[in-house]
Amino acid sequence: MLNTVLIVPKLNPNTPTLMDGEVRLFKRKHSKVWQIAFTLDGRQVRVSSKKRILNDAVAAAREIYLDYRFRQKNGLPVISKRFVDVAALCRATMKQQLDNGLGKKSFRDYIIVIDKYLVPFFGDIFVTSIDYEMLQKFARWREAKMGREPRSSTLNTHNSALNRIFDEAVARGYMNKSQVPVLVNKGRDSVRRPDFTREEYATLIRKLPSWIDAGREGKSRDMRHLLRDYILILANTGMRHGTEAENLCWKHISLFEDKGLKYLEMSVTGKTGRRDIICRAGTINYLKRIQSRCPDIADMSFEQLIKSKLDVPVFRLPDGTASANLRQTFKIFMKDTGLLTCPRTGQDRTLYSLRHTYATFSLLNDGMDVHTLAVQMGTSILMIERHYSHLTPRLKKEMLTGKRYDTPHKDYTADLSNGFAVTDEDLQRAIDDVEIEEKLPNEPKATAVAEGGSKRSVNASSDTNDKNTQASLKALEMLSRGSLSERSALAVMGTHQDAYSVAPDLRIKALELVEEGKLSERGLIAILGV
C-alpha cells in the first residue's frame, strides 16, 4: 500500500531515476530495500518498492507512479492514510474542543468508541479501503466483542464517530466524498427505560428523610440533603440530569405572570441548546430549601434572590462546592431503600429515571399532550413516541398515534394553573414556617391562584364527579367479567348525556378492554366521547 511524507531525502547525482526524472529511487540508511519518491499535485510522495534488486524496483516504481497518475486524472485521492492516523487527528480535534469548553458532550462518547472499537478493528487499514463488506465484518466483530446485539442508540453513536473520521479524511484530501461508505443502523430497538410508578415514587419520597438522618454529619449528610431536593426538582421539571442541571444558576430562574397567575420558569442549557421549562408549583419549596442551606444567600427573600440574577450554581453544598457525585449518592440511596432495580425493565435506575418518570406521569396523569411534553423536555415528538410506547394500551392507540391527544391542547393550557401556578403564599412563606409537603409530581393542586393572589374554590360538583367515575369504573369491571353487557355499561356511564365527560382512568380502562377483546370499537368511541 501507499504512504505519504512531507520531506523527500536529499538525493545525490547517482540516484537512479525514470519517467524523465519524475521518479527517483533511493535507499534509506541501514536498509537494503529501494524507496520510490516523486511529486504530484504539489505533494511529495514516498513509498517503498519492497524490492531489493534495482531492476525489480524500477519496474515497481513505474507501475506505482502510473497508478498515482491514473488517480490524479480521474479525480481520486492521490494520497491516502491509514485509519488509525486519521482517527488520531479527529480525536485530537474533539479533545481540544472539549478541553476549551466548546465541544459537544457527545464528543466524549465518540472518543470512547474510537479507542474501544474503531481503531482496534480498522487501525492499519487505509480509509479508502473501507467498504460495505468490511463494515459487515466490523459489525460481526463488534457484536462478538460486546457479547450481544447493540441497540439502535449505540449504533447511532458508533456511526456518528465513524462519520466524523470519514469527514476528516475528506477534508484533508485522503479520500473523496464518493468513497465514503453508507452507514446503516440495524440494531435492536431501544428498550423501555427504567422509571418509577406512582407507588414507587411515593416510597422514594417517604424514605428520604430517615435516610438523610442516617447519614454521617458533615459533607455526607449535606450531600443527602442536596440529593433530596435534586430528585424532587428533576421529577417536577423534566430537566436532564447532567449538563442541564449542572449549568443551572440562580440567574436562570425567573417568575412570570400570565392572566393574573404566576409561574416559575427555568432556562436550561444542554443537549438540545437552551430552552425554557415551566416548573410545577412545588418546585419553589425545594429551591428555597437549597437556598436556606447556603449561607451567602440564605438571608435574602426568594424574590430578591431571583431578581438578583446571581451567576451561582443552584445545586451546591453549603460550603459552595458544586458536587459532581450526586449520581453515586443516588445509587447508594436506591440500594439502601431496595429501589435500585426497576422490576418492569430489569435495569438499574439512575437519576435519568426521574426524567422518564416525569414524562410518564405527565402523559398518564396530568393529561399533558405530546407536543407540550416534547417542548417541555427538549426533545421531539418522535422520541416521545419511541420511548413511551410502553404506555400501550393506555396511550398508544390514541395519543401516541396522533389521532387525538389525551386532553386537547387548548384545554390543557387553559388549566395550566392546576399544579403549576405559584401562589403569593408560596413566595412569601419562610422555609421554616411549615414542613414541605412533597407531593407526587402528577397530583394537581386542590386550588389554583386567581387574579390578585386569592384562591379559587374547588368545584362543588367534584364529589359528584368522583362518584360518577367510580360507578363507571364499576360498570367496566362488570363488563370485563361478563356480568354486564356493553350496552348496559354505556348506559351506566351516561355516554348518551350532553354533560358527559370522561376521566383519564376511564380512558385507560376502556383501552385495556379493547385490547382484551371485551369492548367494541363503537363502544370505545362512545366512552371517549369522540
Protein backbone atom coordinates (compact mmCIF):
# COMPACT_ATOMS: atom_id res chain seq x y z
CA MET A 1 0.00 0.00 0.00
CA LEU A 2 0.98 3.65 -0.37
CA ASN A 3 2.09 6.15 2.21
CA THR A 4 2.99 9.85 2.29
CA VAL A 5 5.74 12.09 3.61
CA LEU A 6 6.24 15.83 3.59
CA ILE A 7 10.04 15.80 3.04
CA VAL A 8 11.95 13.80 0.40
CA PRO A 9 15.52 12.89 1.38
CA LYS A 10 18.29 14.81 -0.37
CA LEU A 11 19.35 12.81 -3.43
CA ASN A 12 22.86 12.55 -4.84
CA PRO A 13 23.72 12.74 -8.58
CA ASN A 14 23.97 8.96 -8.82
CA THR A 15 20.35 8.46 -7.72
CA PRO A 16 18.52 6.19 -10.24
CA THR A 17 15.61 7.97 -11.99
CA LEU A 18 12.95 7.08 -14.55
CA MET A 19 9.99 8.65 -16.34
CA ASP A 20 12.18 11.57 -17.50
CA GLY A 21 13.44 12.18 -13.98
CA GLU A 22 9.97 12.42 -12.45
CA VAL A 23 10.56 9.33 -10.31
CA ARG A 24 13.61 8.76 -8.15
CA LEU A 25 14.85 5.66 -6.37
CA PHE A 26 16.97 5.68 -3.20
CA LYS A 27 17.80 3.57 -0.17
CA ARG A 28 17.42 4.55 3.45
CA LYS A 29 20.40 4.23 5.75
CA HIS A 30 20.74 0.70 7.08
CA SER A 31 18.10 -0.59 4.61
CA LYS A 32 18.51 -2.80 1.52
CA VAL A 33 15.04 -2.02 0.11
CA TRP A 34 14.62 0.61 -2.63
CA GLN A 35 12.31 3.57 -1.89
CA ILE A 36 10.35 5.49 -4.54
CA ALA A 37 9.94 9.28 -4.48
CA PHE A 38 8.00 11.64 -6.79
CA THR A 39 5.79 14.76 -6.71
CA LEU A 40 2.11 15.02 -7.72
CA ASP A 41 -0.30 17.94 -7.23
CA GLY A 42 2.43 19.75 -5.34
CA ARG A 43 2.63 16.93 -2.80
CA GLN A 44 5.78 14.93 -2.28
CA VAL A 45 5.17 11.20 -2.12
CA ARG A 46 7.45 8.48 -0.81
CA VAL A 47 6.62 4.80 -0.87
CA SER A 48 8.52 1.55 -0.53
CA SER A 49 9.07 -0.56 -3.67
CA LYS A 50 9.51 -3.60 -1.38
CA LYS A 51 12.26 -4.69 -3.80
CA ARG A 52 15.98 -5.19 -3.12
CA ILE A 53 17.13 -5.63 -6.74
CA LEU A 54 17.30 -2.37 -8.71
CA ASN A 55 15.65 -3.69 -11.92
CA ASP A 56 12.74 -5.05 -9.92
CA ALA A 57 12.45 -1.75 -8.04
CA VAL A 58 12.39 0.21 -11.35
CA ALA A 59 9.51 -1.92 -12.65
CA ALA A 60 7.60 -1.48 -9.38
CA ALA A 61 8.26 2.28 -9.38
CA ARG A 62 6.90 2.66 -12.93
CA GLU A 63 3.70 0.78 -12.02
CA ILE A 64 3.17 2.72 -8.79
CA TYR A 65 3.78 6.10 -10.45
CA LEU A 66 1.36 5.36 -13.29
CA ASP A 67 -1.24 4.26 -10.73
CA TYR A 68 -0.89 7.59 -8.95
CA ARG A 69 -1.22 9.48 -12.25
CA PHE A 70 -4.37 7.49 -13.01
CA ARG A 71 -5.84 8.56 -9.65
CA GLN A 72 -4.93 12.17 -10.37
CA LYS A 73 -6.62 12.22 -13.78
CA ASN A 74 -9.77 10.51 -12.52
CA GLY A 75 -10.33 12.74 -9.51
CA LEU A 76 -9.35 10.10 -6.95
CA PRO A 77 -7.30 10.97 -3.86
CA VAL A 78 -3.64 10.92 -4.78
CA ILE A 79 -2.68 10.30 -1.17
CA SER A 80 -4.36 8.00 1.31
CA LYS A 81 -3.95 7.47 5.03
CA ARG A 82 -4.36 4.60 7.38
CA PHE A 83 -7.48 4.72 9.54
CA VAL A 84 -5.51 5.00 12.79
CA ASP A 85 -3.77 8.18 11.56
CA VAL A 86 -7.00 9.93 10.54
CA ALA A 87 -8.72 8.78 13.73
CA ALA A 88 -5.90 10.33 15.77
CA LEU A 89 -6.38 13.69 14.02
CA CYS A 90 -10.15 13.55 14.54
CA ARG A 91 -9.75 12.52 18.17
CA ALA A 92 -7.29 15.32 18.88
CA THR A 93 -9.66 17.91 17.42
CA MET A 94 -12.57 16.77 19.59
CA LYS A 95 -10.36 16.54 22.69
CA GLN A 96 -9.11 20.08 22.17
CA GLN A 97 -12.66 21.42 21.82
CA LEU A 98 -13.73 19.60 24.99
CA ASP A 99 -10.74 20.99 26.91
CA ASN A 100 -11.66 24.50 25.75
CA GLY A 101 -15.27 24.05 26.87
CA LEU A 102 -16.58 24.24 23.29
CA GLY A 103 -17.06 20.59 22.42
CA LYS A 104 -20.35 18.75 22.49
CA LYS A 105 -20.99 16.30 25.31
CA SER A 106 -21.28 13.55 22.66
CA PHE A 107 -17.58 14.04 21.77
CA ARG A 108 -16.67 12.10 24.92
CA ASP A 109 -18.76 9.18 23.68
CA TYR A 110 -17.17 9.38 20.22
CA ILE A 111 -13.66 9.27 21.71
CA ILE A 112 -14.56 6.18 23.73
CA VAL A 113 -15.96 4.49 20.60
CA ILE A 114 -12.83 5.37 18.60
CA ASP A 115 -10.49 3.97 21.25
CA LYS A 116 -12.50 0.88 22.14
CA TYR A 117 -13.96 -0.25 18.81
CA LEU A 118 -12.95 1.65 15.67
CA VAL A 119 -9.15 1.82 15.96
CA PRO A 120 -8.76 -1.77 17.26
CA PHE A 121 -10.59 -3.05 14.15
CA PHE A 122 -9.79 -0.61 11.32
CA GLY A 123 -6.39 0.58 12.63
CA ASP A 124 -3.93 -0.22 9.83
CA ILE A 125 -6.50 -0.27 7.03
CA PHE A 126 -6.44 2.65 4.60
CA VAL A 127 -9.58 4.78 4.84
CA THR A 128 -10.16 4.36 1.11
CA SER A 129 -10.30 0.57 1.55
CA ILE A 130 -13.25 0.58 3.97
CA ASP A 131 -16.30 -0.62 2.06
CA TYR A 132 -19.67 -2.26 2.76
CA GLU A 133 -18.17 -5.74 3.08
CA MET A 134 -15.59 -4.57 5.59
CA LEU A 135 -18.29 -2.75 7.60
CA GLN A 136 -20.23 -6.01 7.78
CA LYS A 137 -17.14 -7.76 9.16
CA PHE A 138 -16.78 -4.97 11.69
CA ALA A 139 -20.43 -5.38 12.74
CA ARG A 140 -19.90 -9.09 13.41
CA TRP A 141 -16.66 -8.41 15.29
CA ARG A 142 -18.30 -5.71 17.41
CA GLU A 143 -21.25 -7.91 18.33
CA ALA A 144 -18.85 -10.66 19.42
CA LYS A 145 -16.84 -8.16 21.47
CA MET A 146 -19.99 -6.82 23.14
CA GLY A 147 -21.49 -10.24 23.65
CA ARG A 148 -24.87 -9.01 22.43
CA GLU A 149 -26.58 -7.24 19.56
CA PRO A 150 -26.09 -3.49 20.02
CA ARG A 151 -29.12 -1.25 20.32
CA SER A 152 -30.04 1.35 17.72
CA SER A 153 -28.92 4.18 20.00
CA THR A 154 -25.50 2.54 20.39
CA LEU A 155 -25.14 2.13 16.62
CA ASN A 156 -26.07 5.77 16.12
CA THR A 157 -23.19 6.78 18.37
CA HIS A 158 -20.76 4.43 16.58
CA ASN A 159 -21.90 5.65 13.15
CA SER A 160 -21.56 9.29 14.18
CA ALA A 161 -18.00 8.68 15.40
CA LEU A 162 -17.10 6.84 12.18
CA ASN A 163 -18.61 9.58 10.02
CA ARG A 164 -16.54 12.21 11.81
CA ILE A 165 -13.39 10.29 10.87
CA PHE A 166 -14.52 9.99 7.24
CA ASP A 167 -15.30 13.74 7.20
CA GLU A 168 -11.78 14.41 8.50
CA ALA A 169 -10.32 12.23 5.73
CA VAL A 170 -12.34 14.03 3.04
CA ALA A 171 -11.42 17.47 4.39
CA ARG A 172 -7.70 16.58 4.28
CA GLY A 173 -7.87 15.06 0.81
CA TYR A 174 -7.23 11.48 1.93
CA MET A 175 -10.43 10.25 0.28
CA ASN A 176 -13.26 11.59 -1.86
CA LYS A 177 -16.80 12.07 -0.65
CA SER A 178 -17.93 9.44 -3.14
CA GLN A 179 -15.71 6.89 -1.41
CA VAL A 180 -17.37 7.29 1.98
CA PRO A 181 -19.46 4.15 2.62
CA VAL A 182 -23.10 4.45 3.65
CA LEU A 183 -23.56 3.51 7.31
CA VAL A 184 -26.74 1.71 8.32
CA ASN A 185 -28.41 1.11 11.66
CA LYS A 186 -29.92 -2.34 12.04
CA GLY A 187 -29.64 -2.53 15.80
CA ARG A 188 -32.43 -3.73 18.03
CA ASP A 189 -34.94 -1.15 19.13
CA SER A 190 -34.35 0.73 22.35
CA VAL A 191 -35.98 -0.92 25.31
CA ARG A 192 -38.22 0.73 27.83
CA ARG A 193 -36.26 2.93 30.19
CA PRO A 194 -36.46 2.41 33.95
CA ASP A 195 -38.78 4.79 35.78
CA PHE A 196 -40.92 4.88 38.94
CA THR A 197 -44.59 4.06 39.30
CA ARG A 198 -46.73 6.32 41.44
CA GLU A 199 -46.39 3.91 44.39
CA GLU A 200 -42.61 3.55 43.96
CA TYR A 201 -42.17 7.31 43.75
CA ALA A 202 -44.25 7.75 46.93
CA THR A 203 -42.00 5.20 48.66
CA LEU A 204 -38.91 7.06 47.49
CA ILE A 205 -40.20 10.36 48.91
CA ARG A 206 -41.28 8.74 52.16
CA LYS A 207 -37.89 7.14 52.82
CA LEU A 208 -35.73 10.17 52.01
CA PRO A 209 -35.95 11.98 55.41
CA SER A 210 -34.93 8.98 57.53
CA TRP A 211 -32.19 8.08 55.03
CA ILE A 212 -30.81 11.61 55.33
CA ASP A 213 -30.80 11.41 59.14
CA ALA A 214 -28.92 8.09 58.96
CA GLY A 215 -26.01 9.75 57.14
CA ARG A 216 -22.85 10.89 58.90
CA GLU A 217 -22.82 14.52 59.98
CA GLY A 218 -20.86 16.82 57.74
CA LYS A 219 -20.44 16.61 54.00
CA SER A 220 -22.04 13.16 53.76
CA ARG A 221 -25.32 14.43 55.21
CA ASP A 222 -25.07 17.65 53.21
CA MET A 223 -24.88 15.53 50.06
CA ARG A 224 -28.01 13.67 51.08
CA HIS A 225 -29.92 16.89 51.73
CA LEU A 226 -28.89 18.21 48.32
CA LEU A 227 -29.82 14.92 46.64
CA ARG A 228 -33.33 15.10 48.13
CA ASP A 229 -34.05 18.46 46.51
CA TYR A 230 -32.24 17.46 43.32
CA ILE A 231 -34.52 14.43 42.98
CA LEU A 232 -37.65 16.48 43.58
CA ILE A 233 -36.67 19.21 41.13
CA LEU A 234 -35.82 16.71 38.36
CA ALA A 235 -39.14 14.91 38.93
CA ASN A 236 -41.10 18.17 38.82
CA THR A 237 -39.46 19.78 35.80
CA GLY A 238 -38.28 17.02 33.45
CA MET A 239 -34.84 18.61 33.09
CA ARG A 240 -31.92 16.37 32.21
CA HIS A 241 -29.56 15.17 34.90
CA GLY A 242 -26.04 16.18 33.97
CA THR A 243 -25.39 19.15 31.72
CA GLU A 244 -28.78 20.85 32.12
CA ALA A 245 -28.78 20.57 35.90
CA GLU A 246 -25.06 21.33 36.26
CA ASN A 247 -25.38 24.52 34.16
CA LEU A 248 -28.41 25.80 36.09
CA CYS A 249 -27.62 29.01 38.00
CA TRP A 250 -29.91 31.24 40.04
CA LYS A 251 -29.83 33.79 37.21
CA HIS A 252 -31.61 31.23 35.01
CA ILE A 253 -34.69 31.08 37.27
CA SER A 254 -37.48 33.62 36.92
CA LEU A 255 -41.13 34.31 37.73
CA PHE A 256 -43.63 35.50 35.15
CA GLU A 257 -47.32 36.34 35.15
CA ASP A 258 -49.97 35.29 32.69
CA LYS A 259 -53.66 36.10 33.09
CA GLY A 260 -53.18 37.02 36.72
CA LEU A 261 -51.31 33.82 37.60
CA LYS A 262 -47.63 33.47 38.50
CA TYR A 263 -45.37 30.72 37.19
CA LEU A 264 -41.84 29.59 37.98
CA GLU A 265 -39.64 29.21 34.90
CA MET A 266 -36.14 27.83 34.37
CA SER A 267 -33.92 28.46 31.36
CA VAL A 268 -31.75 25.38 30.92
CA THR A 269 -28.87 24.65 28.53
CA GLY A 270 -27.74 21.20 27.48
CA LYS A 271 -28.01 18.58 24.78
CA THR A 272 -30.54 20.46 22.62
CA GLY A 273 -29.38 24.00 23.35
CA ARG A 274 -31.26 26.48 25.53
CA ARG A 275 -34.95 26.11 26.34
CA ASP A 276 -37.39 27.42 28.94
CA ILE A 277 -39.32 25.00 31.14
CA ILE A 278 -42.32 25.61 33.40
CA CYS A 279 -41.91 24.10 36.87
CA ARG A 280 -44.62 22.52 38.94
CA ALA A 281 -45.60 24.82 41.80
CA GLY A 282 -43.92 22.69 44.49
CA THR A 283 -40.51 23.28 42.89
CA ILE A 284 -40.28 26.67 44.61
CA ASN A 285 -40.16 24.93 48.01
CA TYR A 286 -37.23 22.72 47.01
CA LEU A 287 -35.33 25.73 45.67
CA LYS A 288 -35.97 27.66 48.88
CA ARG A 289 -34.71 24.74 50.91
CA ILE A 290 -31.45 24.72 48.90
CA GLN A 291 -31.24 28.49 49.43
CA SER A 292 -31.67 28.10 53.21
CA ARG A 293 -28.59 25.82 53.38
CA CYS A 294 -26.31 28.29 51.54
CA PRO A 295 -25.05 30.99 53.95
CA ASP A 296 -24.27 33.52 51.19
CA ILE A 297 -27.90 33.72 50.02
CA ALA A 298 -29.89 32.39 52.98
CA ASP A 299 -30.81 35.87 54.31
CA MET A 300 -32.40 37.02 51.05
CA SER A 301 -36.07 36.61 50.26
CA PHE A 302 -36.73 34.23 47.39
CA GLU A 303 -37.97 37.05 45.17
CA GLN A 304 -34.84 39.07 45.94
CA LEU A 305 -32.70 36.05 45.07
CA ILE A 306 -34.44 35.61 41.73
CA LYS A 307 -34.26 39.31 40.87
CA SER A 308 -30.56 39.49 41.77
CA LYS A 309 -29.70 37.15 38.85
CA LEU A 310 -26.72 35.64 40.63
CA ASP A 311 -24.31 33.69 38.42
CA VAL A 312 -24.03 30.97 41.06
CA PRO A 313 -24.89 27.26 40.61
CA VAL A 314 -28.20 26.19 42.13
CA PHE A 315 -27.13 22.67 43.06
CA ARG A 316 -24.29 23.22 45.52
CA LEU A 317 -23.35 22.31 49.07
CA PRO A 318 -23.32 24.77 51.99
CA ASP A 319 -19.57 25.28 51.52
CA GLY A 320 -20.22 26.48 47.98
CA THR A 321 -18.92 23.45 46.08
CA ALA A 322 -20.98 22.09 43.20
CA SER A 323 -20.70 18.36 43.75
CA ALA A 324 -20.33 16.01 40.81
CA ASN A 325 -21.05 12.93 42.95
CA LEU A 326 -24.83 13.04 43.15
CA ARG A 327 -25.05 10.08 40.78
CA GLN A 328 -23.14 7.86 43.20
CA THR A 329 -25.12 9.17 46.19
CA PHE A 330 -28.37 8.40 44.38
CA LYS A 331 -27.21 4.85 43.66
CA ILE A 332 -26.43 4.35 47.36
CA PHE A 333 -29.90 5.64 48.24
CA MET A 334 -31.52 3.29 45.72
CA LYS A 335 -29.62 0.31 47.15
CA ASP A 336 -30.40 1.25 50.75
CA THR A 337 -34.12 1.51 50.02
CA GLY A 338 -34.41 -1.53 47.74
CA LEU A 339 -35.44 0.59 44.75
CA LEU A 340 -32.33 0.19 42.59
CA THR A 341 -33.68 -2.30 40.04
CA CYS A 342 -36.79 -1.43 38.06
CA PRO A 343 -38.99 -4.57 38.10
CA ARG A 344 -40.52 -3.76 34.70
CA THR A 345 -37.25 -3.42 32.79
CA GLY A 346 -34.72 -5.31 34.91
CA GLN A 347 -32.41 -2.29 34.61
CA ASP A 348 -30.90 -0.29 37.43
CA ARG A 349 -32.48 3.09 37.98
CA THR A 350 -30.38 6.22 37.61
CA LEU A 351 -31.06 9.92 38.10
CA TYR A 352 -32.22 9.94 34.48
CA SER A 353 -35.11 7.70 35.59
CA LEU A 354 -36.67 10.76 37.21
CA ARG A 355 -36.93 12.44 33.80
CA HIS A 356 -38.71 9.36 32.44
CA THR A 357 -40.97 9.37 35.48
CA TYR A 358 -41.86 13.00 34.77
CA ALA A 359 -42.76 12.11 31.19
CA THR A 360 -44.86 9.09 32.18
CA PHE A 361 -46.77 10.96 34.90
CA SER A 362 -47.32 13.94 32.59
CA LEU A 363 -48.85 11.75 29.88
CA LEU A 364 -50.88 9.43 32.08
CA ASN A 365 -51.99 11.64 34.93
CA ASP A 366 -51.55 15.30 34.06
CA GLY A 367 -53.21 14.93 30.66
CA MET A 368 -50.32 16.80 29.04
CA ASP A 369 -50.37 16.48 25.28
CA VAL A 370 -47.44 15.05 23.37
CA HIS A 371 -46.49 18.33 21.71
CA THR A 372 -46.38 20.23 25.01
CA LEU A 373 -44.35 17.44 26.64
CA ALA A 374 -41.84 17.39 23.78
CA VAL A 375 -41.29 21.16 24.10
CA GLN A 376 -41.05 20.98 27.90
CA MET A 377 -38.50 18.15 27.80
CA GLY A 378 -36.46 19.49 24.89
CA THR A 379 -37.00 16.51 22.63
CA SER A 380 -39.04 15.54 19.56
CA ILE A 381 -42.50 14.02 19.35
CA LEU A 382 -40.83 11.06 17.59
CA MET A 383 -38.63 10.45 20.63
CA ILE A 384 -41.65 10.61 22.94
CA GLU A 385 -43.38 8.03 20.76
CA ARG A 386 -40.31 5.80 20.63
CA HIS A 387 -39.51 5.76 24.34
CA TYR A 388 -43.00 5.90 25.84
CA SER A 389 -44.86 3.49 23.57
CA HIS A 390 -44.79 1.09 26.55
CA LEU A 391 -47.83 3.02 27.79
CA THR A 392 -49.91 0.89 25.40
CA PRO A 393 -52.81 0.31 25.70
CA ARG A 394 -53.21 3.43 27.76
CA LEU A 395 -51.93 5.94 25.24
CA LYS A 396 -50.50 4.40 22.11
CA LYS A 397 -53.79 3.77 20.38
CA GLU A 398 -54.82 7.42 20.56
CA MET A 399 -52.29 9.87 21.89
CA LEU A 400 -49.07 8.45 20.51
CA THR A 401 -50.51 7.72 17.07
CA GLY A 402 -51.54 11.34 16.74
CA LYS A 403 -55.23 10.55 16.25
CA ARG A 404 -56.11 12.58 19.34
CA TYR A 405 -54.45 13.86 22.46
CA ASP A 406 -55.30 12.61 25.90
CA THR A 407 -56.50 16.13 26.64
CA PRO A 408 -56.92 18.70 23.85
CA HIS A 409 -54.04 21.16 23.92
CA LYS A 410 -56.30 24.18 24.41
CA ASP A 411 -57.98 22.52 27.37
CA TYR A 412 -54.67 21.58 28.92
CA THR A 413 -53.16 25.04 28.58
CA ALA A 414 -56.36 26.63 29.82
CA ASP A 415 -55.96 24.66 33.05
CA LEU A 416 -52.20 25.10 33.31
CA SER A 417 -52.72 26.76 36.68
CA ASN A 418 -53.72 23.40 38.12
CA GLY A 419 -50.45 22.31 39.73
CA PHE A 420 -48.16 24.85 38.01
CA ALA A 421 -49.23 28.31 39.24
CA VAL A 422 -47.33 29.74 42.21
CA THR A 423 -49.31 31.50 44.96
CA ASP A 424 -48.27 34.63 46.82
CA GLU A 425 -48.24 32.43 49.91
CA ASP A 426 -45.68 30.16 48.21
CA LEU A 427 -43.43 33.14 47.55
CA GLN A 428 -43.67 34.76 50.96
CA ARG A 429 -43.66 31.70 53.20
CA ALA A 430 -40.39 31.14 55.05
CA ILE A 431 -38.95 27.68 54.68
CA ASP A 432 -39.22 27.04 58.44
CA ASP A 433 -42.86 28.06 58.68
CA VAL A 434 -44.26 24.75 57.53
CA GLU A 435 -42.85 21.38 56.70
CA ILE A 436 -42.66 20.98 52.95
CA GLU A 437 -45.19 18.54 51.62
CA GLU A 438 -43.52 16.69 48.80
CA LYS A 439 -46.43 15.91 46.54
CA LEU A 440 -46.29 13.50 43.70
CA PRO A 441 -45.45 15.42 40.53
CA ASN A 442 -48.69 14.27 38.91
CA GLU A 443 -51.01 15.34 41.73
CA PRO A 444 -52.79 18.57 40.75
CA LYS A 445 -53.27 21.17 43.42
CA ALA A 446 -56.67 21.31 45.08
CA THR A 447 -56.83 25.06 44.49
CA ALA A 448 -55.47 27.41 41.88
CA VAL A 449 -54.49 31.04 42.15
CA ALA A 450 -56.92 33.59 40.80
CA GLU A 451 -56.08 37.17 39.87
CA GLY A 452 -54.58 39.12 42.73
CA GLY A 453 -53.31 36.02 44.51
CA SER A 454 -56.64 34.90 46.00
CA LYS A 455 -57.65 31.24 45.89
CA ARG A 456 -60.45 29.91 43.82
CA SER A 457 -62.64 27.27 45.46
CA VAL A 458 -62.78 23.73 44.22
CA ASN A 459 -65.76 22.97 42.01
CA ALA A 460 -68.66 22.00 44.21
CA SER A 461 -69.57 19.15 41.89
CA SER A 462 -66.24 17.32 42.40
CA ASP A 463 -67.80 14.81 44.80
CA THR A 464 -70.50 14.03 42.25
CA ASN A 465 -67.88 13.62 39.52
CA ASP A 466 -65.90 11.23 41.72
CA LYS A 467 -68.99 9.11 42.33
CA ASN A 468 -69.81 9.05 38.62
CA THR A 469 -66.26 7.91 37.86
CA GLN A 470 -66.48 5.17 40.47
CA ALA A 471 -69.81 3.97 39.03
CA SER A 472 -68.35 3.98 35.51
CA LEU A 473 -65.28 2.01 36.59
CA LYS A 474 -67.54 -0.50 38.33
CA ALA A 475 -69.59 -0.89 35.14
CA LEU A 476 -66.43 -1.51 33.08
CA GLU A 477 -65.20 -4.07 35.61
CA MET A 478 -68.54 -5.90 35.36
CA LEU A 479 -68.28 -5.75 31.57
CA SER A 480 -64.79 -7.25 31.81
CA ARG A 481 -66.11 -10.14 33.92
CA GLY A 482 -69.04 -10.70 31.55
CA SER A 483 -71.68 -9.85 34.16
CA LEU A 484 -72.85 -6.75 32.26
CA SER A 485 -73.47 -6.13 28.57
CA GLU A 486 -71.66 -3.39 26.67
CA ARG A 487 -74.93 -1.50 26.08
CA SER A 488 -75.77 -1.58 29.78
CA ALA A 489 -72.28 -0.45 30.76
CA LEU A 490 -72.52 2.55 28.42
CA ALA A 491 -75.91 3.39 29.92
CA VAL A 492 -74.48 3.35 33.43
CA MET A 493 -71.66 5.63 32.33
CA GLY A 494 -74.12 8.06 30.75
CA THR A 495 -72.29 8.37 27.44
CA HIS A 496 -75.57 9.48 25.81
CA GLN A 497 -75.92 12.54 28.05
CA ASP A 498 -74.94 16.03 26.86
CA ALA A 499 -72.95 16.73 30.02
CA TYR A 500 -70.96 13.51 29.71
CA SER A 501 -67.20 13.78 30.21
CA VAL A 502 -64.61 11.05 30.53
CA ALA A 503 -61.97 10.81 33.27
CA PRO A 504 -58.41 9.62 32.42
CA ASP A 505 -58.88 6.41 34.43
CA LEU A 506 -61.92 5.52 32.31
CA ARG A 507 -60.00 6.04 29.07
CA ILE A 508 -57.25 3.77 30.31
CA LYS A 509 -59.69 1.05 31.39
CA ALA A 510 -61.61 1.28 28.11
CA LEU A 511 -58.43 0.85 26.05
CA GLU A 512 -57.45 -2.16 28.13
CA LEU A 513 -60.84 -3.75 27.44
CA VAL A 514 -60.44 -3.13 23.70
CA GLU A 515 -57.08 -4.85 23.76
CA GLU A 516 -58.64 -7.77 25.64
CA GLY A 517 -61.42 -8.01 23.04
CA LYS A 518 -64.14 -7.20 25.60
CA LEU A 519 -65.14 -3.79 24.25
CA SER A 520 -66.05 -2.96 20.65
CA GLU A 521 -64.57 -0.06 18.73
CA ARG A 522 -68.00 1.57 18.68
CA GLY A 523 -68.16 1.25 22.46
CA LEU A 524 -64.69 2.78 22.79
CA ILE A 525 -65.68 5.78 20.65
CA ALA A 526 -68.78 6.29 22.81
CA ILE A 527 -66.69 6.24 26.01
CA LEU A 528 -64.06 8.60 24.60
CA GLY A 529 -66.82 10.99 23.54
CA VAL A 530 -65.50 11.49 20.01
